[in-house]
Amino acid sequence: MDIGSRLEALLAVAEEIGIDVRAEPMGGEGGGLCVLKGRRVLFVDTAADVATRYERTVAGLANVPELEDRYLLPEVRRDLERQRSSNA
């Protein structure tokens, strides 16, 4: 599966679990998960290439516990697990 499809699938699941997804131009190196006014917001940098957007999204969502209970494409789950282990 291509990286654009993986990104779309991961963003869809993020929205399903209640994370606000905002696509904004941030200079090509931005993006990530934060909490604003008590709500989780995932910023996706539209100025970045798709690989960077995907990696930033994976890094931001790697430790979100609700993803454990959701179906994820095997490639996406593998990428999240890789990110978790690199954070350890």
Protein backbone atom coordinates (compact mmCIF):
# COMPACT_ATOMS: atom_id res chain seq x y z
CA MET A 1 0.00 0.00 0.00
CA ASP A 2 1.36 3.43 -0.87
CA ILE A 3 2.22 5.99 1.77
CA GLY A 4 -0.58 8.37 0.77
CA SER A 5 -3.17 5.64 1.36
CA ARG A 6 -1.60 4.80 4.72
CA LEU A 7 -1.76 8.47 5.72
CA GLU A 8 -5.42 8.75 4.72
CA ALA A 9 -6.30 5.60 6.68
CA LEU A 10 -4.46 6.78 9.78
CA LEU A 11 -6.08 10.22 9.66
CA ALA A 12 -9.53 8.63 9.30
CA VAL A 13 -8.97 6.51 12.41
CA ALA A 14 -7.68 9.54 14.31
CA GLU A 15 -10.92 11.38 13.54
CA GLU A 16 -12.99 8.32 14.52
CA ILE A 17 -11.45 8.33 18.00
CA GLY A 18 -12.19 12.02 18.47
CA ILE A 19 -8.95 13.72 17.48
CA ASP A 20 -9.43 16.94 15.53
CA VAL A 21 -7.35 16.80 12.35
CA ARG A 22 -6.26 20.13 10.92
CA ALA A 23 -4.40 20.41 7.64
CA GLU A 24 -2.38 23.64 7.65
CA PRO A 25 0.70 24.88 5.81
CA MET A 26 3.53 24.93 8.37
CA GLY A 27 6.64 25.37 6.29
CA GLY A 28 7.21 21.72 5.39
CA GLU A 29 8.66 20.48 8.69
CA GLY A 30 5.75 20.89 11.09
CA GLY A 31 2.85 18.86 12.29
CA GLY A 32 2.09 16.70 15.27
CA LEU A 33 -0.34 16.08 18.09
CA CYS A 34 -1.09 18.59 20.83
CA VAL A 35 -3.84 19.48 23.29
CA LEU A 36 -5.69 22.78 22.79
CA LYS A 37 -8.40 23.79 25.25
CA GLY A 38 -8.63 20.22 26.48
CA ARG A 39 -9.03 18.67 23.02
CA ARG A 40 -6.47 16.66 21.11
CA VAL A 41 -5.58 18.25 17.79
CA LEU A 42 -3.42 16.67 15.12
CA PHE A 43 -1.80 19.20 12.80
CA VAL A 44 -0.83 17.93 9.36
CA ASP A 45 1.62 20.17 7.49
CA THR A 46 0.27 20.58 3.96
CA ALA A 47 3.58 22.17 2.87
CA ALA A 48 5.44 18.91 3.62
CA ASP A 49 5.78 16.02 1.21
CA VAL A 50 3.53 13.02 1.84
CA ALA A 51 6.31 10.95 3.44
CA THR A 52 7.03 13.69 5.99
CA ARG A 53 3.33 14.16 6.72
CA TYR A 54 2.98 10.43 7.32
CA GLU A 55 6.04 10.19 9.57
CA ARG A 56 4.92 13.20 11.64
CA THR A 57 1.44 11.71 11.95
CA VAL A 58 2.81 8.32 13.01
CA ALA A 59 5.07 10.02 15.57
CA GLY A 60 2.17 12.05 16.95
CA LEU A 61 -0.21 9.11 17.23
CA ALA A 62 2.16 6.33 18.26
CA ASN A 63 1.25 6.53 21.95
CA VAL A 64 -2.49 7.15 21.64
CA PRO A 65 -4.01 4.24 23.58
CA GLU A 66 -7.34 4.17 21.70
CA LEU A 67 -5.54 3.01 18.55
CA GLU A 68 -4.84 -0.35 20.19
CA ASP A 69 -8.56 -1.20 20.03
CA ARG A 70 -9.05 -0.14 16.41
CA TYR A 71 -8.50 -1.96 13.19
CA LEU A 72 -5.46 -0.52 11.45
CA LEU A 73 -3.89 -1.58 8.21
CA PRO A 74 -1.03 -3.95 9.02
CA GLU A 75 1.50 -1.54 7.50
CA VAL A 76 0.20 1.32 9.65
CA ARG A 77 0.23 -0.76 12.84
CA ARG A 78 3.80 -1.83 12.07
CA ASP A 79 4.86 1.79 11.58
CA LEU A 80 3.23 2.83 14.87
CA GLU A 81 4.97 -0.01 16.71
CA ARG A 82 8.30 0.94 15.11
CA GLN A 83 7.80 4.52 16.31
CA ARG A 84 6.92 3.37 19.84
CA SER A 85 10.02 1.24 20.08
CA SER A 86 12.24 4.08 18.85
CA ASN A 87 10.76 6.33 21.56
CA ALA A 88 11.56 3.80 24.30
